[in-house]
N, C-alpha and C. Protein backbone atom coordinates (compact mmCIF):
# COMPACT_ATOMS: atom_id res chain seq x y z
N VAL A 1 19.53 7.07 9.52
CA VAL A 1 18.79 6.86 8.29
C VAL A 1 18.02 8.14 7.97
N THR A 2 18.13 8.56 6.71
CA THR A 2 17.43 9.75 6.24
C THR A 2 16.53 9.37 5.07
N VAL A 3 15.31 9.89 5.09
CA VAL A 3 14.37 9.66 4.01
C VAL A 3 14.06 11.00 3.37
N LEU A 4 14.25 11.07 2.05
CA LEU A 4 13.85 12.24 1.27
C LEU A 4 12.53 11.89 0.59
N GLU A 5 11.52 12.69 0.81
CA GLU A 5 10.18 12.44 0.25
C GLU A 5 9.77 13.64 -0.57
N GLN A 6 9.39 13.40 -1.83
CA GLN A 6 9.03 14.52 -2.70
C GLN A 6 7.66 15.12 -2.38
N ALA A 7 6.78 14.38 -1.71
CA ALA A 7 5.48 14.92 -1.34
C ALA A 7 5.66 16.00 -0.27
N LYS A 8 4.81 17.03 -0.33
CA LYS A 8 4.87 18.11 0.65
C LYS A 8 4.33 17.67 2.00
N GLU A 9 3.43 16.68 1.98
CA GLU A 9 2.86 16.13 3.21
C GLU A 9 2.48 14.68 2.95
N LEU A 10 2.39 13.91 4.01
CA LEU A 10 1.94 12.53 3.87
C LEU A 10 0.42 12.55 3.89
N ALA A 11 -0.17 12.32 2.73
CA ALA A 11 -1.62 12.45 2.59
C ALA A 11 -2.18 11.19 1.95
N GLU A 12 -3.51 11.10 1.93
CA GLU A 12 -4.19 9.95 1.36
C GLU A 12 -3.94 9.88 -0.14
N VAL A 13 -3.21 8.85 -0.54
CA VAL A 13 -2.91 8.62 -1.94
C VAL A 13 -3.05 7.12 -2.18
N GLY A 14 -3.65 6.75 -3.27
CA GLY A 14 -3.73 5.35 -3.62
C GLY A 14 -5.00 4.69 -3.13
N ALA A 15 -5.00 3.40 -3.21
CA ALA A 15 -6.22 2.63 -2.97
C ALA A 15 -6.05 1.71 -1.77
N GLY A 16 -7.00 0.80 -1.66
CA GLY A 16 -6.94 -0.19 -0.60
C GLY A 16 -5.91 -1.25 -0.91
N LEU A 17 -5.46 -1.90 0.13
CA LEU A 17 -4.45 -2.95 0.00
C LEU A 17 -4.98 -4.22 0.63
N GLN A 18 -4.65 -5.34 0.02
CA GLN A 18 -4.93 -6.64 0.63
C GLN A 18 -3.58 -7.17 1.10
N ILE A 19 -3.48 -7.34 2.40
CA ILE A 19 -2.23 -7.73 3.03
C ILE A 19 -2.27 -9.22 3.37
N THR A 20 -1.40 -9.99 2.75
CA THR A 20 -1.36 -11.42 2.99
C THR A 20 -0.66 -11.71 4.33
N PRO A 21 -0.80 -12.94 4.84
CA PRO A 21 -0.17 -13.27 6.11
C PRO A 21 1.34 -13.07 6.15
N ASN A 22 2.03 -13.27 5.02
CA ASN A 22 3.48 -13.03 5.02
C ASN A 22 3.78 -11.59 5.41
N ALA A 23 3.02 -10.65 4.86
CA ALA A 23 3.23 -9.23 5.15
C ALA A 23 2.73 -8.87 6.55
N SER A 24 1.56 -9.35 6.93
CA SER A 24 1.03 -8.99 8.26
C SER A 24 1.93 -9.53 9.37
N ARG A 25 2.56 -10.66 9.13
CA ARG A 25 3.52 -11.21 10.09
C ARG A 25 4.71 -10.25 10.24
N LEU A 26 5.16 -9.69 9.13
CA LEU A 26 6.25 -8.69 9.19
C LEU A 26 5.80 -7.45 9.95
N PHE A 27 4.57 -7.01 9.71
CA PHE A 27 4.07 -5.82 10.42
C PHE A 27 4.10 -6.05 11.92
N SER A 28 3.76 -7.25 12.36
CA SER A 28 3.82 -7.57 13.79
C SER A 28 5.27 -7.56 14.26
N HIS A 29 6.14 -8.18 13.49
CA HIS A 29 7.57 -8.24 13.84
C HIS A 29 8.17 -6.84 13.93
N TRP A 30 7.74 -5.96 13.03
CA TRP A 30 8.25 -4.58 13.03
C TRP A 30 7.63 -3.72 14.12
N LYS A 31 6.64 -4.28 14.82
CA LYS A 31 5.96 -3.57 15.91
C LYS A 31 5.30 -2.27 15.42
N LEU A 32 4.56 -2.40 14.32
CA LEU A 32 3.83 -1.23 13.82
C LEU A 32 2.75 -0.84 14.83
N PRO A 33 2.37 0.43 14.85
CA PRO A 33 1.40 0.91 15.85
C PRO A 33 0.08 0.13 15.83
N GLU A 34 -0.52 0.01 17.01
CA GLU A 34 -1.79 -0.70 17.19
C GLU A 34 -2.89 -0.13 16.28
N LYS A 35 -2.83 1.16 15.99
CA LYS A 35 -3.85 1.80 15.14
C LYS A 35 -3.96 1.10 13.79
N LEU A 36 -2.85 0.59 13.27
CA LEU A 36 -2.90 -0.12 11.99
C LEU A 36 -3.87 -1.29 12.08
N TRP A 37 -3.80 -2.03 13.16
CA TRP A 37 -4.63 -3.22 13.32
C TRP A 37 -6.10 -2.85 13.57
N THR A 38 -6.35 -1.76 14.26
CA THR A 38 -7.74 -1.35 14.51
C THR A 38 -8.36 -0.74 13.25
N ASP A 39 -7.55 -0.15 12.38
CA ASP A 39 -8.05 0.42 11.12
C ASP A 39 -8.29 -0.65 10.06
N ALA A 40 -7.63 -1.79 10.19
CA ALA A 40 -7.72 -2.85 9.19
C ALA A 40 -9.03 -3.63 9.34
N ALA A 41 -9.44 -4.26 8.25
CA ALA A 41 -10.58 -5.18 8.27
C ALA A 41 -10.05 -6.57 7.98
N GLU A 42 -10.51 -7.53 8.75
CA GLU A 42 -10.11 -8.92 8.53
C GLU A 42 -11.31 -9.68 7.97
N PRO A 43 -11.27 -10.02 6.68
CA PRO A 43 -12.41 -10.68 6.04
C PRO A 43 -12.75 -12.03 6.67
N THR A 44 -14.03 -12.24 6.92
CA THR A 44 -14.48 -13.49 7.52
C THR A 44 -14.76 -14.57 6.49
N SER A 45 -14.97 -14.16 5.25
CA SER A 45 -15.18 -15.15 4.17
C SER A 45 -14.59 -14.60 2.88
N LEU A 46 -14.39 -15.52 1.93
CA LEU A 46 -13.85 -15.15 0.61
C LEU A 46 -14.72 -15.82 -0.45
N THR A 47 -15.11 -15.03 -1.45
CA THR A 47 -15.91 -15.56 -2.55
C THR A 47 -15.34 -15.08 -3.86
N VAL A 48 -15.19 -16.01 -4.81
CA VAL A 48 -14.75 -15.68 -6.17
C VAL A 48 -15.94 -15.89 -7.09
N HIS A 49 -16.31 -14.82 -7.82
CA HIS A 49 -17.45 -14.85 -8.74
C HIS A 49 -16.95 -14.76 -10.18
N ARG A 50 -17.61 -15.48 -11.06
CA ARG A 50 -17.42 -15.27 -12.49
C ARG A 50 -18.13 -13.95 -12.83
N TYR A 51 -17.73 -13.29 -13.87
CA TYR A 51 -18.35 -12.02 -14.25
C TYR A 51 -19.85 -12.14 -14.48
N THR A 52 -20.33 -13.32 -14.73
CA THR A 52 -21.77 -13.55 -14.92
C THR A 52 -22.52 -13.64 -13.59
N GLY A 53 -21.78 -13.72 -12.50
CA GLY A 53 -22.39 -13.83 -11.18
C GLY A 53 -22.23 -15.22 -10.57
N GLU A 54 -21.92 -16.21 -11.37
CA GLU A 54 -21.74 -17.58 -10.88
C GLU A 54 -20.62 -17.61 -9.84
N VAL A 55 -20.86 -18.29 -8.73
CA VAL A 55 -19.84 -18.42 -7.68
C VAL A 55 -18.91 -19.56 -8.07
N LEU A 56 -17.63 -19.24 -8.21
CA LEU A 56 -16.63 -20.23 -8.59
C LEU A 56 -15.97 -20.87 -7.37
N ALA A 57 -15.86 -20.10 -6.29
CA ALA A 57 -15.25 -20.62 -5.06
C ALA A 57 -15.77 -19.80 -3.89
N HIS A 58 -15.91 -20.46 -2.76
CA HIS A 58 -16.36 -19.76 -1.55
C HIS A 58 -15.73 -20.44 -0.34
N GLU A 59 -15.24 -19.63 0.59
CA GLU A 59 -14.67 -20.18 1.83
C GLU A 59 -15.22 -19.41 3.02
N GLU A 60 -16.02 -20.09 3.82
CA GLU A 60 -16.48 -19.53 5.09
C GLU A 60 -15.31 -19.61 6.06
N SER A 61 -15.38 -18.86 7.12
CA SER A 61 -14.33 -18.88 8.17
C SER A 61 -12.95 -18.61 7.58
N PHE A 62 -12.91 -17.79 6.55
CA PHE A 62 -11.65 -17.46 5.88
C PHE A 62 -10.64 -16.92 6.89
N ASP A 63 -11.08 -16.02 7.77
CA ASP A 63 -10.18 -15.42 8.75
C ASP A 63 -9.58 -16.48 9.68
N ARG A 64 -10.40 -17.36 10.22
CA ARG A 64 -9.91 -18.40 11.14
C ARG A 64 -9.00 -19.39 10.42
N ASN A 65 -9.38 -19.77 9.19
CA ASN A 65 -8.56 -20.72 8.43
C ASN A 65 -7.19 -20.13 8.11
N ILE A 66 -7.15 -18.86 7.71
CA ILE A 66 -5.87 -18.21 7.40
C ILE A 66 -4.99 -18.13 8.64
N ARG A 67 -5.55 -17.67 9.75
CA ARG A 67 -4.77 -17.57 11.00
C ARG A 67 -4.26 -18.94 11.45
N SER A 68 -5.10 -19.95 11.31
CA SER A 68 -4.71 -21.30 11.72
C SER A 68 -3.57 -21.83 10.84
N LYS A 69 -3.68 -21.60 9.55
CA LYS A 69 -2.69 -22.13 8.61
C LYS A 69 -1.37 -21.36 8.64
N TYR A 70 -1.44 -20.01 8.78
CA TYR A 70 -0.24 -19.18 8.64
C TYR A 70 0.17 -18.44 9.91
N SER A 71 -0.60 -18.57 10.97
CA SER A 71 -0.31 -17.89 12.25
C SER A 71 -0.22 -16.38 12.09
N ALA A 72 -0.96 -15.85 11.14
CA ALA A 72 -1.03 -14.40 10.91
C ALA A 72 -2.27 -14.13 10.07
N PRO A 73 -2.83 -12.92 10.18
CA PRO A 73 -4.08 -12.63 9.46
C PRO A 73 -3.87 -12.14 8.03
N PHE A 74 -4.91 -12.30 7.22
CA PHE A 74 -5.07 -11.63 5.94
C PHE A 74 -5.94 -10.42 6.25
N ILE A 75 -5.47 -9.22 5.94
CA ILE A 75 -6.22 -8.01 6.27
C ILE A 75 -6.35 -7.10 5.06
N ASP A 76 -7.38 -6.28 5.10
CA ASP A 76 -7.58 -5.22 4.11
C ASP A 76 -7.41 -3.90 4.84
N LEU A 77 -6.69 -2.98 4.23
CA LEU A 77 -6.56 -1.66 4.82
C LEU A 77 -6.28 -0.64 3.75
N HIS A 78 -6.39 0.61 4.11
CA HIS A 78 -6.14 1.68 3.16
C HIS A 78 -4.64 1.99 3.14
N ARG A 79 -4.14 2.30 1.98
CA ARG A 79 -2.72 2.59 1.79
C ARG A 79 -2.23 3.67 2.76
N VAL A 80 -3.02 4.72 2.99
CA VAL A 80 -2.59 5.80 3.87
C VAL A 80 -2.43 5.31 5.32
N ASP A 81 -3.25 4.35 5.74
CA ASP A 81 -3.12 3.81 7.10
C ASP A 81 -1.79 3.07 7.25
N LEU A 82 -1.40 2.31 6.23
CA LEU A 82 -0.10 1.62 6.27
C LEU A 82 1.03 2.64 6.22
N GLN A 83 0.90 3.63 5.35
CA GLN A 83 1.92 4.67 5.24
C GLN A 83 2.14 5.38 6.58
N GLN A 84 1.05 5.75 7.24
CA GLN A 84 1.14 6.44 8.52
C GLN A 84 1.76 5.55 9.60
N ALA A 85 1.41 4.26 9.59
CA ALA A 85 1.97 3.33 10.57
C ALA A 85 3.48 3.16 10.36
N LEU A 86 3.89 2.99 9.11
CA LEU A 86 5.32 2.85 8.82
C LEU A 86 6.08 4.13 9.19
N TYR A 87 5.49 5.26 8.89
CA TYR A 87 6.10 6.56 9.21
C TYR A 87 6.27 6.72 10.72
N ALA A 88 5.22 6.42 11.47
CA ALA A 88 5.28 6.55 12.93
C ALA A 88 6.35 5.64 13.52
N ARG A 89 6.39 4.40 13.06
CA ARG A 89 7.37 3.45 13.60
C ARG A 89 8.79 3.86 13.21
N ALA A 90 8.99 4.31 11.98
CA ALA A 90 10.32 4.74 11.55
C ALA A 90 10.80 5.92 12.38
N LYS A 91 9.92 6.88 12.63
CA LYS A 91 10.29 8.04 13.47
C LYS A 91 10.66 7.58 14.87
N GLU A 92 9.90 6.61 15.41
CA GLU A 92 10.19 6.04 16.72
C GLU A 92 11.59 5.45 16.76
N LEU A 93 12.03 4.87 15.64
CA LEU A 93 13.34 4.24 15.55
C LEU A 93 14.45 5.22 15.19
N GLY A 94 14.11 6.51 15.05
CA GLY A 94 15.13 7.53 14.80
C GLY A 94 15.36 7.92 13.36
N VAL A 95 14.50 7.49 12.45
CA VAL A 95 14.64 7.87 11.04
C VAL A 95 14.27 9.35 10.90
N THR A 96 15.07 10.08 10.13
CA THR A 96 14.81 11.49 9.85
C THR A 96 14.14 11.61 8.49
N PHE A 97 13.04 12.37 8.44
CA PHE A 97 12.30 12.56 7.20
C PHE A 97 12.41 14.01 6.75
N HIS A 98 12.62 14.20 5.46
CA HIS A 98 12.61 15.53 4.85
C HIS A 98 11.56 15.51 3.74
N LEU A 99 10.45 16.21 3.98
CA LEU A 99 9.37 16.26 3.00
C LEU A 99 9.64 17.38 1.99
N ASP A 100 8.96 17.30 0.85
CA ASP A 100 9.08 18.30 -0.20
C ASP A 100 10.52 18.41 -0.72
N GLU A 101 11.15 17.26 -0.87
CA GLU A 101 12.52 17.20 -1.39
C GLU A 101 12.55 16.26 -2.59
N ARG A 102 12.67 16.83 -3.77
CA ARG A 102 12.73 16.03 -5.00
C ARG A 102 14.18 15.86 -5.42
N VAL A 103 14.55 14.63 -5.79
CA VAL A 103 15.92 14.31 -6.20
C VAL A 103 16.27 15.07 -7.48
N ASN A 104 17.47 15.62 -7.49
CA ASN A 104 18.00 16.26 -8.69
C ASN A 104 19.09 15.39 -9.31
N THR A 105 20.08 15.03 -8.49
CA THR A 105 21.18 14.20 -8.99
C THR A 105 21.55 13.13 -7.96
N ILE A 106 22.17 12.07 -8.46
CA ILE A 106 22.69 11.02 -7.60
C ILE A 106 24.12 10.71 -8.06
N ASP A 107 25.04 10.75 -7.11
CA ASP A 107 26.41 10.32 -7.37
C ASP A 107 26.52 8.89 -6.83
N PHE A 108 26.52 7.94 -7.72
CA PHE A 108 26.50 6.53 -7.31
C PHE A 108 27.85 6.08 -6.76
N ASP A 109 28.93 6.78 -7.12
CA ASP A 109 30.25 6.42 -6.58
C ASP A 109 30.37 6.78 -5.11
N THR A 110 29.77 7.89 -4.71
CA THR A 110 29.86 8.32 -3.31
C THR A 110 28.54 8.10 -2.56
N THR A 111 27.56 7.50 -3.21
CA THR A 111 26.20 7.32 -2.68
C THR A 111 25.69 8.61 -2.06
N THR A 112 25.70 9.66 -2.89
CA THR A 112 25.25 10.99 -2.47
C THR A 112 24.08 11.44 -3.34
N VAL A 113 23.03 11.90 -2.67
CA VAL A 113 21.85 12.41 -3.36
C VAL A 113 21.78 13.91 -3.13
N THR A 114 21.52 14.66 -4.20
CA THR A 114 21.30 16.11 -4.09
C THR A 114 19.89 16.40 -4.58
N THR A 115 19.17 17.20 -3.82
CA THR A 115 17.79 17.52 -4.17
C THR A 115 17.73 18.84 -4.94
N LEU A 116 16.58 19.11 -5.52
CA LEU A 116 16.39 20.37 -6.25
C LEU A 116 16.57 21.58 -5.33
N LYS A 117 16.27 21.42 -4.04
CA LYS A 117 16.45 22.51 -3.08
C LYS A 117 17.88 22.64 -2.59
N GLY A 118 18.77 21.74 -3.05
CA GLY A 118 20.17 21.83 -2.68
C GLY A 118 20.59 20.99 -1.49
N ARG A 119 19.67 20.25 -0.90
CA ARG A 119 20.02 19.37 0.23
C ARG A 119 20.87 18.23 -0.31
N THR A 120 21.94 17.90 0.41
CA THR A 120 22.81 16.79 0.03
C THR A 120 22.80 15.77 1.16
N VAL A 121 22.58 14.51 0.80
CA VAL A 121 22.55 13.43 1.77
C VAL A 121 23.41 12.29 1.24
N SER A 122 24.29 11.78 2.10
CA SER A 122 25.13 10.63 1.73
C SER A 122 24.85 9.49 2.69
N GLY A 123 25.11 8.29 2.23
CA GLY A 123 24.90 7.12 3.08
C GLY A 123 25.53 5.89 2.48
N ASP A 124 25.32 4.78 3.13
CA ASP A 124 25.86 3.51 2.65
C ASP A 124 25.02 2.92 1.52
N LEU A 125 23.75 3.31 1.50
CA LEU A 125 22.82 2.72 0.55
C LEU A 125 21.78 3.76 0.14
N ILE A 126 21.45 3.77 -1.14
CA ILE A 126 20.36 4.61 -1.65
C ILE A 126 19.25 3.67 -2.09
N VAL A 127 18.06 3.87 -1.55
CA VAL A 127 16.89 3.13 -2.01
C VAL A 127 16.06 4.12 -2.82
N ALA A 128 16.02 3.91 -4.12
CA ALA A 128 15.32 4.82 -5.01
C ALA A 128 13.91 4.30 -5.25
N ALA A 129 12.96 4.83 -4.51
CA ALA A 129 11.56 4.39 -4.61
C ALA A 129 10.69 5.61 -4.84
N ASP A 130 10.96 6.32 -5.92
CA ASP A 130 10.27 7.60 -6.14
C ASP A 130 9.17 7.53 -7.19
N GLY A 131 8.65 6.35 -7.43
CA GLY A 131 7.41 6.24 -8.17
C GLY A 131 7.51 6.13 -9.68
N LEU A 132 6.35 6.25 -10.28
CA LEU A 132 6.16 6.04 -11.71
C LEU A 132 7.04 6.97 -12.56
N TRP A 133 7.09 8.23 -12.21
CA TRP A 133 7.87 9.22 -12.97
C TRP A 133 9.20 9.43 -12.27
N SER A 134 9.95 8.37 -12.06
CA SER A 134 11.13 8.33 -11.22
C SER A 134 12.31 9.14 -11.76
N ARG A 135 12.70 10.15 -11.01
CA ARG A 135 13.93 10.89 -11.32
C ARG A 135 15.14 10.02 -11.01
N CYS A 136 15.05 9.21 -9.96
CA CYS A 136 16.16 8.33 -9.58
C CYS A 136 16.46 7.33 -10.70
N ARG A 137 15.43 6.80 -11.34
CA ARG A 137 15.63 5.86 -12.45
C ARG A 137 16.34 6.57 -13.60
N GLU A 138 15.96 7.82 -13.86
CA GLU A 138 16.63 8.59 -14.90
C GLU A 138 18.10 8.80 -14.57
N CYS A 139 18.39 9.10 -13.30
CA CYS A 139 19.79 9.26 -12.88
C CYS A 139 20.57 7.97 -13.10
N TYR A 140 19.96 6.86 -12.76
CA TYR A 140 20.62 5.56 -12.90
C TYR A 140 20.85 5.21 -14.37
N CYS A 141 19.81 5.45 -15.19
CA CYS A 141 19.90 5.11 -16.62
C CYS A 141 20.73 6.13 -17.41
N GLY A 142 20.87 7.34 -16.88
CA GLY A 142 21.60 8.38 -17.59
C GLY A 142 20.81 9.00 -18.73
N ARG A 143 19.51 8.81 -18.71
CA ARG A 143 18.64 9.35 -19.75
C ARG A 143 17.21 9.43 -19.24
N LYS A 144 16.36 10.14 -19.97
CA LYS A 144 14.93 10.19 -19.66
C LYS A 144 14.36 8.78 -19.78
N ASP A 145 13.50 8.38 -18.86
CA ASP A 145 12.95 7.03 -18.89
C ASP A 145 11.50 7.07 -18.43
N ASP A 146 10.61 7.52 -19.34
CA ASP A 146 9.20 7.61 -19.02
C ASP A 146 8.60 6.23 -18.82
N PRO A 147 7.59 6.12 -17.98
CA PRO A 147 6.92 4.83 -17.80
C PRO A 147 6.21 4.41 -19.08
N ILE A 148 6.02 3.12 -19.23
CA ILE A 148 5.35 2.58 -20.41
C ILE A 148 3.88 2.33 -20.05
N PRO A 149 2.95 2.98 -20.76
CA PRO A 149 1.52 2.77 -20.45
C PRO A 149 1.11 1.32 -20.69
N THR A 150 0.39 0.75 -19.73
CA THR A 150 -0.07 -0.63 -19.86
C THR A 150 -1.53 -0.71 -20.27
N GLY A 151 -2.26 0.39 -20.11
CA GLY A 151 -3.68 0.36 -20.39
C GLY A 151 -4.50 -0.09 -19.19
N ASP A 152 -3.83 -0.53 -18.11
CA ASP A 152 -4.53 -0.96 -16.91
C ASP A 152 -4.93 0.25 -16.09
N LEU A 153 -6.13 0.22 -15.56
CA LEU A 153 -6.62 1.30 -14.72
C LEU A 153 -7.24 0.70 -13.47
N ALA A 154 -7.18 1.44 -12.39
CA ALA A 154 -7.83 1.01 -11.15
C ALA A 154 -8.73 2.15 -10.68
N TYR A 155 -9.92 1.81 -10.26
CA TYR A 155 -10.85 2.79 -9.72
C TYR A 155 -11.19 2.37 -8.30
N ARG A 156 -11.46 3.33 -7.46
CA ARG A 156 -11.85 3.01 -6.10
C ARG A 156 -12.87 4.01 -5.62
N ILE A 157 -13.56 3.60 -4.58
CA ILE A 157 -14.48 4.51 -3.90
C ILE A 157 -14.32 4.24 -2.41
N VAL A 158 -14.32 5.28 -1.63
CA VAL A 158 -14.21 5.15 -0.18
C VAL A 158 -15.42 5.85 0.43
N LEU A 159 -16.18 5.09 1.18
CA LEU A 159 -17.37 5.62 1.86
C LEU A 159 -17.31 5.22 3.33
N THR A 160 -17.90 6.03 4.17
CA THR A 160 -18.12 5.61 5.55
C THR A 160 -19.45 4.88 5.58
N ALA A 161 -19.62 4.02 6.58
CA ALA A 161 -20.85 3.22 6.66
C ALA A 161 -22.09 4.11 6.72
N ASP A 162 -22.00 5.26 7.38
CA ASP A 162 -23.19 6.12 7.48
C ASP A 162 -23.53 6.83 6.17
N GLN A 163 -22.68 6.74 5.17
CA GLN A 163 -22.99 7.30 3.85
C GLN A 163 -23.76 6.31 2.97
N ILE A 164 -23.91 5.08 3.45
CA ILE A 164 -24.60 4.04 2.68
C ILE A 164 -26.02 3.91 3.22
N SER A 165 -27.01 4.15 2.35
CA SER A 165 -28.40 4.10 2.80
C SER A 165 -29.05 2.74 2.56
N ASP A 166 -28.59 1.99 1.57
CA ASP A 166 -29.18 0.69 1.29
C ASP A 166 -28.81 -0.28 2.41
N PRO A 167 -29.80 -0.86 3.11
CA PRO A 167 -29.51 -1.71 4.27
C PRO A 167 -28.72 -2.98 3.92
N ASP A 168 -29.01 -3.57 2.76
CA ASP A 168 -28.28 -4.78 2.37
C ASP A 168 -26.81 -4.47 2.09
N LEU A 169 -26.56 -3.39 1.36
CA LEU A 169 -25.18 -3.00 1.06
C LEU A 169 -24.45 -2.60 2.35
N LYS A 170 -25.13 -1.87 3.22
CA LYS A 170 -24.52 -1.44 4.47
C LYS A 170 -24.12 -2.66 5.32
N ALA A 171 -25.00 -3.64 5.42
CA ALA A 171 -24.70 -4.85 6.19
C ALA A 171 -23.52 -5.60 5.57
N TRP A 172 -23.46 -5.62 4.25
CA TRP A 172 -22.38 -6.30 3.53
C TRP A 172 -21.05 -5.62 3.83
N VAL A 173 -21.03 -4.29 3.85
CA VAL A 173 -19.81 -3.53 4.08
C VAL A 173 -19.37 -3.62 5.55
N GLU A 174 -20.33 -3.62 6.46
CA GLU A 174 -20.00 -3.63 7.89
C GLU A 174 -19.53 -4.99 8.39
N ASN A 175 -19.76 -6.04 7.62
CA ASN A 175 -19.28 -7.38 7.96
C ASN A 175 -18.22 -7.77 6.95
N PRO A 176 -16.95 -7.57 7.29
CA PRO A 176 -15.89 -7.70 6.28
C PRO A 176 -15.80 -9.08 5.64
N THR A 177 -15.92 -9.06 4.34
CA THR A 177 -15.73 -10.24 3.51
C THR A 177 -14.93 -9.80 2.28
N VAL A 178 -14.41 -10.75 1.54
CA VAL A 178 -13.72 -10.42 0.29
C VAL A 178 -14.48 -11.09 -0.84
N HIS A 179 -14.77 -10.30 -1.87
CA HIS A 179 -15.41 -10.81 -3.08
C HIS A 179 -14.57 -10.39 -4.27
N PHE A 180 -14.29 -11.35 -5.14
CA PHE A 180 -13.60 -11.08 -6.41
C PHE A 180 -14.56 -11.42 -7.54
N TRP A 181 -14.66 -10.55 -8.51
CA TRP A 181 -15.40 -10.83 -9.74
C TRP A 181 -14.37 -10.86 -10.85
N ILE A 182 -14.27 -11.98 -11.55
CA ILE A 182 -13.27 -12.11 -12.60
C ILE A 182 -13.94 -12.27 -13.94
N GLY A 183 -13.32 -11.66 -14.94
CA GLY A 183 -13.88 -11.73 -16.28
C GLY A 183 -12.80 -11.50 -17.30
N PRO A 184 -13.16 -11.57 -18.56
CA PRO A 184 -12.16 -11.36 -19.62
C PRO A 184 -11.65 -9.93 -19.61
N GLY A 185 -10.37 -9.76 -19.38
CA GLY A 185 -9.74 -8.45 -19.44
C GLY A 185 -9.96 -7.55 -18.24
N ALA A 186 -10.64 -8.01 -17.20
CA ALA A 186 -10.89 -7.15 -16.05
C ALA A 186 -11.26 -7.97 -14.83
N HIS A 187 -11.11 -7.37 -13.68
CA HIS A 187 -11.60 -7.98 -12.45
C HIS A 187 -11.94 -6.87 -11.46
N ALA A 188 -12.73 -7.23 -10.48
CA ALA A 188 -13.10 -6.28 -9.42
C ALA A 188 -12.93 -6.98 -8.09
N VAL A 189 -12.54 -6.20 -7.08
CA VAL A 189 -12.37 -6.73 -5.72
C VAL A 189 -13.27 -5.95 -4.81
């Protein structure tokens, strides 16, 4: 198995992820590195707030209830931690990675990919997962295919606990819980 990756290095990109038990069960089955589990946070409670602050739903012991019901955890983790875990496990299984390789052409009859640098890779299957501005999608469609703006935006902030000076906020962050605020046209997690 060969992976062509257009990024020059595997770096922190994207936001946090909420991993449901279906996915965390797969991570266990795939034997992802232990570091993934130590980097993850397992929320102990879940609260849904209306945008006005009113609590619409609350579940204590969320972590225990989820594990009991699904035999796997609901976890929060950063996208780069999952990326690094998948990368490490794939390398362990013999997958070859070529970084800084952007697709130029795809021959779908021979399942051959050629990169801008001239690397040619053939196989039984091509998985085209090259993102929003996908060159692979253009190859498949036979024309330029820009993404359609949705108007949706996501913002994130990543802090270490020692960067938080407010004691109430620090205690809230150090004790993993999940809070959703829902409102017209937007939500926050």
